[in-house]
Amino acid sequence: STATPLGTAARYITKHFDALTVYLKSPGLAATNNLRERLLRIEKLIQKNALFRQTIEGRAVFDILRTVIQTAVAAGVPVQEYIENVLMAAPQDIERNPENYTPHSWAKRNS
């Protein structure tokens, strides 16, 4: 029956079958989104515990830190080592060549 939850579910599956099964035809796609959910969990934990984000200035700092951390993770860089190294660099070197201090270029230099 179209009035039952089972009928609604069956119609949904029929209508969206191609989108729901695309991962079966594309081996490069993950069958689950567990990795993405784990990454989001980390993001939410950071956000919950970053009390300074409640002001505009704090939010800007939080967004910068979050971006640096997530970019370092995506580059496969050890976050603490990367941040310590960048903080110990001479400010004038960073100002002259900021592209040398991104996580990706740092990873290339230190691999």
PDB file of N, CA and C in Angstrom:
ATOM      1  N   SER A   1       0.840  -1.181   0.000  1.00  0.00           N
ATOM      2  CA  SER A   1       0.000   0.000   0.000  1.00  0.00           C
ATOM      3  C   SER A   1       0.887   1.247   0.000  1.00  0.00           C
ATOM      4  N   THR A   2       0.444   2.261  -0.693  1.00  0.00           N
ATOM      5  CA  THR A   2       1.201   3.510  -0.748  1.00  0.00           C
ATOM      6  C   THR A   2       1.083   4.293   0.550  1.00  0.00           C
ATOM      7  N   ALA A   3       0.188   3.893   1.410  1.00  0.00           N
ATOM      8  CA  ALA A   3      -0.014   4.630   2.662  1.00  0.00           C
ATOM      9  C   ALA A   3       0.822   4.080   3.821  1.00  0.00           C
ATOM     10  N   THR A   4       1.566   3.016   3.598  1.00  0.00           N
ATOM     11  CA  THR A   4       2.346   2.412   4.678  1.00  0.00           C
ATOM     12  C   THR A   4       3.812   2.858   4.604  1.00  0.00           C
ATOM     13  N   PRO A   5       4.517   2.807   5.735  1.00  0.00           N
ATOM     14  CA  PRO A   5       5.946   3.131   5.703  1.00  0.00           C
ATOM     15  C   PRO A   5       6.737   2.208   4.762  1.00  0.00           C
ATOM     16  N   LEU A   6       6.365   0.936   4.701  1.00  0.00           N
ATOM     17  CA  LEU A   6       7.054  -0.001   3.815  1.00  0.00           C
ATOM     18  C   LEU A   6       6.843   0.389   2.350  1.00  0.00           C
ATOM     19  N   GLY A   7       5.636   0.803   2.026  1.00  0.00           N
ATOM     20  CA  GLY A   7       5.345   1.254   0.663  1.00  0.00           C
ATOM     21  C   GLY A   7       6.135   2.503   0.318  1.00  0.00           C
ATOM     22  N   THR A   8       6.237   3.428   1.269  1.00  0.00           N
ATOM     23  CA  THR A   8       7.019   4.651   1.058  1.00  0.00           C
ATOM     24  C   THR A   8       8.487   4.305   0.835  1.00  0.00           C
ATOM     25  N   ALA A   9       9.013   3.383   1.628  1.00  0.00           N
ATOM     26  CA  ALA A   9      10.406   2.958   1.479  1.00  0.00           C
ATOM     27  C   ALA A   9      10.639   2.284   0.139  1.00  0.00           C
ATOM     28  N   ALA A  10       9.710   1.426  -0.265  1.00  0.00           N
ATOM     29  CA  ALA A  10       9.845   0.730  -1.549  1.00  0.00           C
ATOM     30  C   ALA A  10       9.842   1.721  -2.711  1.00  0.00           C
ATOM     31  N   ARG A  11       8.973   2.707  -2.664  1.00  0.00           N
ATOM     32  CA  ARG A  11       8.933   3.733  -3.713  1.00  0.00           C
ATOM     33  C   ARG A  11      10.246   4.513  -3.745  1.00  0.00           C
ATOM     34  N   TYR A  12      10.780   4.843  -2.588  1.00  0.00           N
ATOM     35  CA  TYR A  12      12.045   5.584  -2.504  1.00  0.00           C
ATOM     36  C   TYR A  12      13.166   4.778  -3.161  1.00  0.00           C
ATOM     37  N   ILE A  13      13.256   3.501  -2.814  1.00  0.00           N
ATOM     38  CA  ILE A  13      14.301   2.646  -3.384  1.00  0.00           C
ATOM     39  C   ILE A  13      14.144   2.537  -4.893  1.00  0.00           C
ATOM     40  N   THR A  14      12.938   2.344  -5.367  1.00  0.00           N
ATOM     41  CA  THR A  14      12.695   2.235  -6.806  1.00  0.00           C
ATOM     42  C   THR A  14      13.072   3.528  -7.523  1.00  0.00           C
ATOM     43  N   LYS A  15      12.681   4.647  -6.960  1.00  0.00           N
ATOM     44  CA  LYS A  15      12.927   5.944  -7.585  1.00  0.00           C
ATOM     45  C   LYS A  15      14.419   6.300  -7.591  1.00  0.00           C
ATOM     46  N   HIS A  16      15.166   5.917  -6.539  1.00  0.00           N
ATOM     47  CA  HIS A  16      16.572   6.302  -6.396  1.00  0.00           C
ATOM     48  C   HIS A  16      17.541   5.120  -6.533  1.00  0.00           C
ATOM     49  N   PHE A  17      17.112   4.059  -7.192  1.00  0.00           N
ATOM     50  CA  PHE A  17      17.910   2.833  -7.258  1.00  0.00           C
ATOM     51  C   PHE A  17      19.317   3.078  -7.824  1.00  0.00           C
ATOM     52  N   ASP A  18      19.415   3.819  -8.928  1.00  0.00           N
ATOM     53  CA  ASP A  18      20.731   4.056  -9.539  1.00  0.00           C
ATOM     54  C   ASP A  18      21.671   4.779  -8.579  1.00  0.00           C
ATOM     55  N   ALA A  19      21.187   5.808  -7.914  1.00  0.00           N
ATOM     56  CA  ALA A  19      22.028   6.553  -6.979  1.00  0.00           C
ATOM     57  C   ALA A  19      22.398   5.703  -5.761  1.00  0.00           C
ATOM     58  N   LEU A  20      21.488   4.871  -5.310  1.00  0.00           N
ATOM     59  CA  LEU A  20      21.745   4.035  -4.135  1.00  0.00           C
ATOM     60  C   LEU A  20      22.725   2.898  -4.416  1.00  0.00           C
ATOM     61  N   THR A  21      22.875   2.526  -5.666  1.00  0.00           N
ATOM     62  CA  THR A  21      23.748   1.393  -6.006  1.00  0.00           C
ATOM     63  C   THR A  21      24.955   1.797  -6.848  1.00  0.00           C
ATOM     64  N   VAL A  22      25.222   3.087  -6.992  1.00  0.00           N
ATOM     65  CA  VAL A  22      26.339   3.541  -7.830  1.00  0.00           C
ATOM     66  C   VAL A  22      27.671   2.983  -7.352  1.00  0.00           C
ATOM     67  N   TYR A  23      27.842   2.782  -6.052  1.00  0.00           N
ATOM     68  CA  TYR A  23      29.112   2.264  -5.531  1.00  0.00           C
ATOM     69  C   TYR A  23      29.374   0.832  -5.993  1.00  0.00           C
ATOM     70  N   LEU A  24      28.340   0.096  -6.391  1.00  0.00           N
ATOM     71  CA  LEU A  24      28.530  -1.267  -6.889  1.00  0.00           C
ATOM     72  C   LEU A  24      29.209  -1.263  -8.255  1.00  0.00           C
ATOM     73  N   LYS A  25      28.979  -0.201  -9.029  1.00  0.00           N
ATOM     74  CA  LYS A  25      29.546  -0.098 -10.379  1.00  0.00           C
ATOM     75  C   LYS A  25      30.859   0.668 -10.389  1.00  0.00           C
ATOM     76  N   SER A  26      31.176   1.352  -9.311  1.00  0.00           N
ATOM     77  CA  SER A  26      32.382   2.169  -9.231  1.00  0.00           C
ATOM     78  C   SER A  26      33.248   1.687  -8.076  1.00  0.00           C
ATOM     79  N   PRO A  27      34.230   0.831  -8.356  1.00  0.00           N
ATOM     80  CA  PRO A  27      35.032   0.262  -7.270  1.00  0.00           C
ATOM     81  C   PRO A  27      35.836   1.293  -6.489  1.00  0.00           C
ATOM     82  N   GLY A  28      36.032   2.481  -7.037  1.00  0.00           N
ATOM     83  CA  GLY A  28      36.779   3.507  -6.318  1.00  0.00           C
ATOM     84  C   GLY A  28      35.992   4.168  -5.207  1.00  0.00           C
ATOM     85  N   LEU A  29      34.688   4.012  -5.210  1.00  0.00           N
ATOM     86  CA  LEU A  29      33.844   4.611  -4.172  1.00  0.00           C
ATOM     87  C   LEU A  29      33.732   3.675  -2.980  1.00  0.00           C
ATOM     88  N   ALA A  30      33.766   4.243  -1.795  1.00  0.00           N
ATOM     89  CA  ALA A  30      33.607   3.436  -0.579  1.00  0.00           C
ATOM     90  C   ALA A  30      32.135   3.070  -0.401  1.00  0.00           C
ATOM     91  N   ALA A  31      31.898   1.881   0.102  1.00  0.00           N
ATOM     92  CA  ALA A  31      30.515   1.437   0.324  1.00  0.00           C
ATOM     93  C   ALA A  31      29.895   2.110   1.540  1.00  0.00           C
ATOM     94  N   THR A  32      30.738   2.651   2.411  1.00  0.00           N
ATOM     95  CA  THR A  32      30.226   3.331   3.599  1.00  0.00           C
ATOM     96  C   THR A  32      30.836   4.727   3.686  1.00  0.00           C
ATOM     97  N   ASN A  33      30.309   5.522   4.575  1.00  0.00           N
ATOM     98  CA  ASN A  33      30.868   6.851   4.784  1.00  0.00           C
ATOM     99  C   ASN A  33      31.522   6.946   6.168  1.00  0.00           C
ATOM    100  N   ASN A  34      31.997   5.824   6.687  1.00  0.00           N
ATOM    101  CA  ASN A  34      32.588   5.793   8.033  1.00  0.00           C
ATOM    102  C   ASN A  34      33.754   6.766   8.189  1.00  0.00           C
ATOM    103  N   LEU A  35      34.637   6.815   7.196  1.00  0.00           N
ATOM    104  CA  LEU A  35      35.786   7.713   7.289  1.00  0.00           C
ATOM    105  C   LEU A  35      35.325   9.159   7.397  1.00  0.00           C
ATOM    106  N   ARG A  36      34.385   9.547   6.566  1.00  0.00           N
ATOM    107  CA  ARG A  36      33.879  10.920   6.601  1.00  0.00           C
ATOM    108  C   ARG A  36      33.201  11.232   7.927  1.00  0.00           C
ATOM    109  N   GLU A  37      32.467  10.282   8.455  1.00  0.00           N
ATOM    110  CA  GLU A  37      31.815  10.507   9.746  1.00  0.00           C
ATOM    111  C   GLU A  37      32.840  10.615  10.872  1.00  0.00           C
ATOM    112  N   ARG A  38      33.913   9.831  10.799  1.00  0.00           N
ATOM    113  CA  ARG A  38      34.961   9.950  11.818  1.00  0.00           C
ATOM    114  C   ARG A  38      35.635  11.311  11.740  1.00  0.00           C
ATOM    115  N   LEU A  39      35.884  11.800  10.516  1.00  0.00           N
ATOM    116  CA  LEU A  39      36.475  13.134  10.359  1.00  0.00           C
ATOM    117  C   LEU A  39      35.546  14.208  10.899  1.00  0.00           C
ATOM    118  N   LEU A  40      34.252  14.063  10.655  1.00  0.00           N
ATOM    119  CA  LEU A  40      33.285  15.027  11.189  1.00  0.00           C
ATOM    120  C   LEU A  40      33.238  14.973  12.701  1.00  0.00           C
ATOM    121  N   ARG A  41      33.389  13.791  13.269  1.00  0.00           N
ATOM    122  CA  ARG A  41      33.369  13.654  14.727  1.00  0.00           C
ATOM    123  C   ARG A  41      34.512  14.442  15.350  1.00  0.00           C
ATOM    124  N   ILE A  42      35.695  14.324  14.747  1.00  0.00           N
ATOM    125  CA  ILE A  42      36.847  15.089  15.233  1.00  0.00           C
ATOM    126  C   ILE A  42      36.539  16.578  15.166  1.00  0.00           C
ATOM    127  N   GLU A  43      35.963  17.001  14.056  1.00  0.00           N
ATOM    128  CA  GLU A  43      35.611  18.408  13.876  1.00  0.00           C
ATOM    129  C   GLU A  43      34.644  18.870  14.965  1.00  0.00           C
ATOM    130  N   LYS A  44      33.642  18.088  15.251  1.00  0.00           N
ATOM    131  CA  LYS A  44      32.650  18.465  16.266  1.00  0.00           C
ATOM    132  C   LYS A  44      33.263  18.485  17.668  1.00  0.00           C
ATOM    133  N   LEU A  45      34.173  17.568  17.962  1.00  0.00           N
ATOM    134  CA  LEU A  45      34.838  17.585  19.264  1.00  0.00           C
ATOM    135  C   LEU A  45      35.681  18.845  19.429  1.00  0.00           C
ATOM    136  N   ILE A  46      36.394  19.216  18.369  1.00  0.00           N
ATOM    137  CA  ILE A  46      37.194  20.440  18.423  1.00  0.00           C
ATOM    138  C   ILE A  46      36.280  21.630  18.642  1.00  0.00           C
ATOM    139  N   GLN A  47      35.204  21.674  17.882  1.00  0.00           N
ATOM    140  CA  GLN A  47      34.282  22.800  17.968  1.00  0.00           C
ATOM    141  C   GLN A  47      33.652  22.905  19.355  1.00  0.00           C
ATOM    142  N   LYS A  48      33.278  21.781  19.933  1.00  0.00           N
ATOM    143  CA  LYS A  48      32.637  21.778  21.248  1.00  0.00           C
ATOM    144  C   LYS A  48      33.591  22.265  22.338  1.00  0.00           C
ATOM    145  N   ASN A  49      34.862  21.888  22.219  1.00  0.00           N
ATOM    146  CA  ASN A  49      35.827  22.204  23.269  1.00  0.00           C
ATOM    147  C   ASN A  49      36.569  23.516  23.061  1.00  0.00           C
ATOM    148  N   ALA A  50      36.340  24.179  21.955  1.00  0.00           N
ATOM    149  CA  ALA A  50      37.014  25.450  21.676  1.00  0.00           C
ATOM    150  C   ALA A  50      36.126  26.590  22.164  1.00  0.00           C
ATOM    151  N   LEU A  51      36.219  26.881  23.438  1.00  0.00           N
ATOM    152  CA  LEU A  51      35.343  27.890  24.037  1.00  0.00           C
ATOM    153  C   LEU A  51      35.605  29.294  23.505  1.00  0.00           C
ATOM    154  N   PHE A  52      36.822  29.523  23.015  1.00  0.00           N
ATOM    155  CA  PHE A  52      37.150  30.858  22.516  1.00  0.00           C
ATOM    156  C   PHE A  52      36.432  31.185  21.221  1.00  0.00           C
ATOM    157  N   ARG A  53      35.773  30.220  20.600  1.00  0.00           N
ATOM    158  CA  ARG A  53      35.101  30.462  19.324  1.00  0.00           C
ATOM    159  C   ARG A  53      33.801  31.254  19.475  1.00  0.00           C
ATOM    160  N   GLN A  54      33.438  31.613  20.687  1.00  0.00           N
ATOM    161  CA  GLN A  54      32.164  32.293  20.910  1.00  0.00           C
ATOM    162  C   GLN A  54      32.215  33.786  20.587  1.00  0.00           C
ATOM    163  N   THR A  55      33.392  34.335  20.332  1.00  0.00           N
ATOM    164  CA  THR A  55      33.506  35.728  19.898  1.00  0.00           C
ATOM    165  C   THR A  55      33.901  35.726  18.428  1.00  0.00           C
ATOM    166  N   ILE A  56      33.758  36.859  17.764  1.00  0.00           N
ATOM    167  CA  ILE A  56      34.123  36.941  16.347  1.00  0.00           C
ATOM    168  C   ILE A  56      35.619  36.675  16.169  1.00  0.00           C
ATOM    169  N   GLU A  57      36.436  37.277  17.030  1.00  0.00           N
ATOM    170  CA  GLU A  57      37.877  37.080  16.936  1.00  0.00           C
ATOM    171  C   GLU A  57      38.246  35.626  17.238  1.00  0.00           C
ATOM    172  N   GLY A  58      37.598  35.067  18.249  1.00  0.00           N
ATOM    173  CA  GLY A  58      37.845  33.672  18.600  1.00  0.00           C
ATOM    174  C   GLY A  58      37.434  32.727  17.494  1.00  0.00           C
ATOM    175  N   ARG A  59      36.323  33.052  16.843  1.00  0.00           N
ATOM    176  CA  ARG A  59      35.861  32.214  15.729  1.00  0.00           C
ATOM    177  C   ARG A  59      36.860  32.252  14.577  1.00  0.00           C
ATOM    178  N   ALA A  60      37.430  33.432  14.304  1.00  0.00           N
ATOM    179  CA  ALA A  60      38.426  33.548  13.235  1.00  0.00           C
ATOM    180  C   ALA A  60      39.658  32.699  13.567  1.00  0.00           C
ATOM    181  N   VAL A  61      40.125  32.777  14.819  1.00  0.00           N
ATOM    182  CA  VAL A  61      41.272  31.975  15.244  1.00  0.00           C
ATOM    183  C   VAL A  61      40.943  30.486  15.137  1.00  0.00           C
ATOM    184  N   PHE A  62      39.761  30.119  15.583  1.00  0.00           N
ATOM    185  CA  PHE A  62      39.335  28.717  15.525  1.00  0.00           C
ATOM    186  C   PHE A  62      39.317  28.222  14.083  1.00  0.00           C
ATOM    187  N   ASP A  63      38.775  29.017  13.167  1.00  0.00           N
ATOM    188  CA  ASP A  63      38.702  28.610  11.770  1.00  0.00           C
ATOM    189  C   ASP A  63      40.088  28.442  11.162  1.00  0.00           C
ATOM    190  N   ILE A  64      41.003  29.322  11.518  1.00  0.00           N
ATOM    191  CA  ILE A  64      42.376  29.213  11.009  1.00  0.00           C
ATOM    192  C   ILE A  64      43.042  27.950  11.547  1.00  0.00           C
ATOM    193  N   LEU A  65      42.918  27.719  12.852  1.00  0.00           N
ATOM    194  CA  LEU A  65      43.520  26.513  13.445  1.00  0.00           C
ATOM    195  C   LEU A  65      42.930  25.244  12.842  1.00  0.00           C
ATOM    196  N   ARG A  66      41.626  25.232  12.703  1.00  0.00           N
ATOM    197  CA  ARG A  66      40.952  24.056  12.135  1.00  0.00           C
ATOM    198  C   ARG A  66      41.434  23.802  10.711  1.00  0.00           C
ATOM    199  N   THR A  67      41.563  24.858   9.923  1.00  0.00           N
ATOM    200  CA  THR A  67      42.018  24.715   8.545  1.00  0.00           C
ATOM    201  C   THR A  67      43.445  24.175   8.481  1.00  0.00           C
ATOM    202  N   VAL A  68      44.309  24.714   9.325  1.00  0.00           N
ATOM    203  CA  VAL A  68      45.704  24.247   9.346  1.00  0.00           C
ATOM    204  C   VAL A  68      45.760  22.777   9.748  1.00  0.00           C
ATOM    205  N   ILE A  69      45.036  22.405  10.780  1.00  0.00           N
ATOM    206  CA  ILE A  69      45.050  21.014  11.259  1.00  0.00           C
ATOM    207  C   ILE A  69      44.509  20.068  10.198  1.00  0.00           C
ATOM    208  N   GLN A  70      43.368  20.398   9.619  1.00  0.00           N
ATOM    209  CA  GLN A  70      42.765  19.506   8.626  1.00  0.00           C
ATOM    210  C   GLN A  70      43.619  19.415   7.363  1.00  0.00           C
ATOM    211  N   THR A  71      44.264  20.508   6.965  1.00  0.00           N
ATOM    212  CA  THR A  71      45.137  20.481   5.797  1.00  0.00           C
ATOM    213  C   THR A  71      46.364  19.618   6.073  1.00  0.00           C
ATOM    214  N   ALA A  72      46.902  19.722   7.273  1.00  0.00           N
ATOM    215  CA  ALA A  72      48.050  18.887   7.644  1.00  0.00           C
ATOM    216  C   ALA A  72      47.662  17.412   7.650  1.00  0.00           C
ATOM    217  N   VAL A  73      46.493  17.107   8.176  1.00  0.00           N
ATOM    218  CA  VAL A  73      46.019  15.715   8.188  1.00  0.00           C
ATOM    219  C   VAL A  73      45.857  15.208   6.761  1.00  0.00           C
ATOM    220  N   ALA A  74      45.253  16.026   5.901  1.00  0.00           N
ATOM    221  CA  ALA A  74      45.040  15.632   4.504  1.00  0.00           C
ATOM    222  C   ALA A  74      46.367  15.420   3.774  1.00  0.00           C
ATOM    223  N   ALA A  75      47.400  16.169   4.154  1.00  0.00           N
ATOM    224  CA  ALA A  75      48.717  16.035   3.522  1.00  0.00           C
ATOM    225  C   ALA A  75      49.516  14.881   4.115  1.00  0.00           C
ATOM    226  N   GLY A  76      48.981  14.252   5.156  1.00  0.00           N
ATOM    227  CA  GLY A  76      49.691  13.147   5.800  1.00  0.00           C
ATOM    228  C   GLY A  76      50.873  13.601   6.637  1.00  0.00           C
ATOM    229  N   VAL A  77      50.767  14.817   7.144  1.00  0.00           N
ATOM    230  CA  VAL A  77      51.848  15.430   7.916  1.00  0.00           C
ATOM    231  C   VAL A  77      51.572  15.240   9.406  1.00  0.00           C
ATOM    232  N   PRO A  78      52.580  14.896  10.199  1.00  0.00           N
ATOM    233  CA  PRO A  78      52.383  14.857  11.655  1.00  0.00           C
ATOM    234  C   PRO A  78      52.101  16.280  12.153  1.00  0.00           C
ATOM    235  N   VAL A  79      50.894  16.500  12.610  1.00  0.00           N
ATOM    236  CA  VAL A  79      50.403  17.848  12.898  1.00  0.00           C
ATOM    237  C   VAL A  79      51.289  18.587  13.906  1.00  0.00           C
ATOM    238  N   GLN A  80      51.595  17.956  15.018  1.00  0.00           N
ATOM    239  CA  GLN A  80      52.383  18.641  16.050  1.00  0.00           C
ATOM    240  C   GLN A  80      53.768  19.009  15.528  1.00  0.00           C
ATOM    241  N   GLU A  81      54.408  18.083  14.848  1.00  0.00           N
ATOM    242  CA  GLU A  81      55.745  18.353  14.310  1.00  0.00           C
ATOM    243  C   GLU A  81      55.703  19.487  13.286  1.00  0.00           C
ATOM    244  N   TYR A  82      54.696  19.462  12.431  1.00  0.00           N
ATOM    245  CA  TYR A  82      54.547  20.509  11.420  1.00  0.00           C
ATOM    246  C   TYR A  82      54.355  21.886  12.074  1.00  0.00           C
ATOM    247  N   ILE A  83      53.436  21.974  13.022  1.00  0.00           N
ATOM    248  CA  ILE A  83      53.147  23.258  13.667  1.00  0.00           C
ATOM    249  C   ILE A  83      54.372  23.768  14.436  1.00  0.00           C
ATOM    250  N   GLU A  84      55.043  22.881  15.163  1.00  0.00           N
ATOM    251  CA  GLU A  84      56.251  23.290  15.886  1.00  0.00           C
ATOM    252  C   GLU A  84      57.306  23.824  14.928  1.00  0.00           C
ATOM    253  N   ASN A  85      57.483  23.138  13.804  1.00  0.00           N
ATOM    254  CA  ASN A  85      58.479  23.560  12.826  1.00  0.00           C
ATOM    255  C   ASN A  85      58.147  24.927  12.248  1.00  0.00           C
ATOM    256  N   VAL A  86      56.894  25.153  11.904  1.00  0.00           N
ATOM    257  CA  VAL A  86      56.486  26.439  11.337  1.00  0.00           C
ATOM    258  C   VAL A  86      56.621  27.544  12.381  1.00  0.00           C
ATOM    259  N   LEU A  87      56.254  27.272  13.620  1.00  0.00           N
ATOM    260  CA  LEU A  87      56.353  28.296  14.663  1.00  0.00           C
ATOM    261  C   LEU A  87      57.800  28.663  14.981  1.00  0.00           C
ATOM    262  N   MET A  88      58.724  27.739  14.765  1.00  0.00           N
ATOM    263  CA  MET A  88      60.126  28.025  15.031  1.00  0.00           C
ATOM    264  C   MET A  88      60.824  28.701  13.845  1.00  0.00           C
ATOM    265  N   ALA A  89      60.155  28.755  12.698  1.00  0.00           N
ATOM    266  CA  ALA A  89      60.763  29.395  11.521  1.00  0.00           C
ATOM    267  C   ALA A  89      60.831  30.904  11.721  1.00  0.00           C
ATOM    268  N   ALA A  90      61.773  31.501  11.071  1.00  0.00           N
ATOM    269  CA  ALA A  90      61.924  32.955  11.153  1.00  0.00           C
ATOM    270  C   ALA A  90      60.748  33.632  10.444  1.00  0.00           C
ATOM    271  N   PRO A  91      60.076  34.570  11.108  1.00  0.00           N
ATOM    272  CA  PRO A  91      58.923  35.236  10.499  1.00  0.00           C
ATOM    273  C   PRO A  91      59.214  35.848   9.134  1.00  0.00           C
ATOM    274  N   GLN A  92      60.425  36.408   8.965  1.00  0.00           N
ATOM    275  CA  GLN A  92      60.747  37.010   7.674  1.00  0.00           C
ATOM    276  C   GLN A  92      60.837  35.964   6.567  1.00  0.00           C
ATOM    277  N   ASP A  93      61.258  34.735   6.901  1.00  0.00           N
ATOM    278  CA  ASP A  93      61.283  33.656   5.907  1.00  0.00           C
ATOM    279  C   ASP A  93      59.864  33.296   5.474  1.00  0.00           C
ATOM    280  N   ILE A  94      58.961  33.232   6.442  1.00  0.00           N
ATOM    281  CA  ILE A  94      57.563  32.914   6.128  1.00  0.00           C
ATOM    282  C   ILE A  94      56.950  34.019   5.285  1.00  0.00           C
ATOM    283  N   GLU A  95      57.250  35.279   5.614  1.00  0.00           N
ATOM    284  CA  GLU A  95      56.712  36.408   4.843  1.00  0.00           C
ATOM    285  C   GLU A  95      57.231  36.404   3.411  1.00  0.00           C
ATOM    286  N   ARG A  96      58.512  36.054   3.227  1.00  0.00           N
ATOM    287  CA  ARG A  96      59.105  36.043   1.886  1.00  0.00           C
ATOM    288  C   ARG A  96      58.572  34.893   1.042  1.00  0.00           C
ATOM    289  N   ASN A  97      58.427  33.716   1.644  1.00  0.00           N
ATOM    290  CA  ASN A  97      58.025  32.507   0.899  1.00  0.00           C
ATOM    291  C   ASN A  97      56.948  31.725   1.639  1.00  0.00           C
ATOM    292  N   PRO A  98      55.744  32.263   1.768  1.00  0.00           N
ATOM    293  CA  PRO A  98      54.705  31.549   2.520  1.00  0.00           C
ATOM    294  C   PRO A  98      54.342  30.206   1.900  1.00  0.00           C
ATOM    295  N   GLU A  99      54.525  30.076   0.589  1.00  0.00           N
ATOM    296  CA  GLU A  99      54.190  28.807  -0.076  1.00  0.00           C
ATOM    297  C   GLU A  99      55.075  27.657   0.406  1.00  0.00           C
ATOM    298  N   ASN A 100      56.226  27.955   0.993  1.00  0.00           N
ATOM    299  CA  ASN A 100      57.102  26.904   1.513  1.00  0.00           C
ATOM    300  C   ASN A 100      56.628  26.361   2.862  1.00  0.00           C
ATOM    301  N   TYR A 101      55.642  26.984   3.448  1.00  0.00           N
ATOM    302  CA  TYR A 101      55.195  26.592   4.785  1.00  0.00           C
ATOM    303  C   TYR A 101      53.800  25.982   4.810  1.00  0.00           C
ATOM    304  N   THR A 102      53.278  25.626   3.645  1.00  0.00           N
ATOM    305  CA  THR A 102      52.004  24.900   3.620  1.00  0.00           C
ATOM    306  C   THR A 102      52.280  23.451   4.003  1.00  0.00           C
ATOM    307  N   PRO A 103      51.314  22.741   4.523  1.00  0.00           N
ATOM    308  CA  PRO A 103      51.556  21.335   4.879  1.00  0.00           C
ATOM    309  C   PRO A 103      52.050  20.492   3.713  1.00  0.00           C
ATOM    310  N   HIS A 104      51.536  20.730   2.505  1.00  0.00           N
ATOM    311  CA  HIS A 104      51.942  19.921   1.358  1.00  0.00           C
ATOM    312  C   HIS A 104      53.407  20.145   0.992  1.00  0.00           C
ATOM    313  N   SER A 105      53.841  21.416   0.968  1.00  0.00           N
ATOM    314  CA  SER A 105      55.248  21.665   0.641  1.00  0.00           C
ATOM    315  C   SER A 105      56.153  21.207   1.783  1.00  0.00           C
ATOM    316  N   TRP A 106      55.687  21.353   3.015  1.00  0.00           N
ATOM    317  CA  TRP A 106      56.449  20.881   4.170  1.00  0.00           C
ATOM    318  C   TRP A 106      56.638  19.359   4.073  1.00  0.00           C
ATOM    319  N   ALA A 107      55.573  18.655   3.682  1.00  0.00           N
ATOM    320  CA  ALA A 107      55.638  17.187   3.542  1.00  0.00           C
ATOM    321  C   ALA A 107      56.650  16.801   2.462  1.00  0.00           C
ATOM    322  N   LYS A 108      56.672  17.534   1.353  1.00  0.00           N
ATOM    323  CA  LYS A 108      57.642  17.237   0.289  1.00  0.00           C
ATOM    324  C   LYS A 108      59.076  17.426   0.767  1.00  0.00           C
ATOM    325  N   ARG A 109      59.320  18.503   1.491  1.00  0.00           N
ATOM    326  CA  ARG A 109      60.667  18.784   1.993  1.00  0.00           C
ATOM    327  C   ARG A 109      61.122  17.777   3.050  1.00  0.00           C
ATOM    328  N   ASN A 110      60.204  17.245   3.805  1.00  0.00           N
ATOM    329  CA  ASN A 110      60.557  16.401   4.946  1.00  0.00           C
ATOM    330  C   ASN A 110      60.273  14.920   4.718  1.00  0.00           C
ATOM    331  N   SER A 111      60.071  14.546   3.471  1.00  0.00           N
ATOM    332  CA  SER A 111      59.798  13.119   3.218  1.00  0.00           C
ATOM    333  C   SER A 111      61.055  12.379   2.842  1.00  0.00           C
TER     334      SER A 111
END
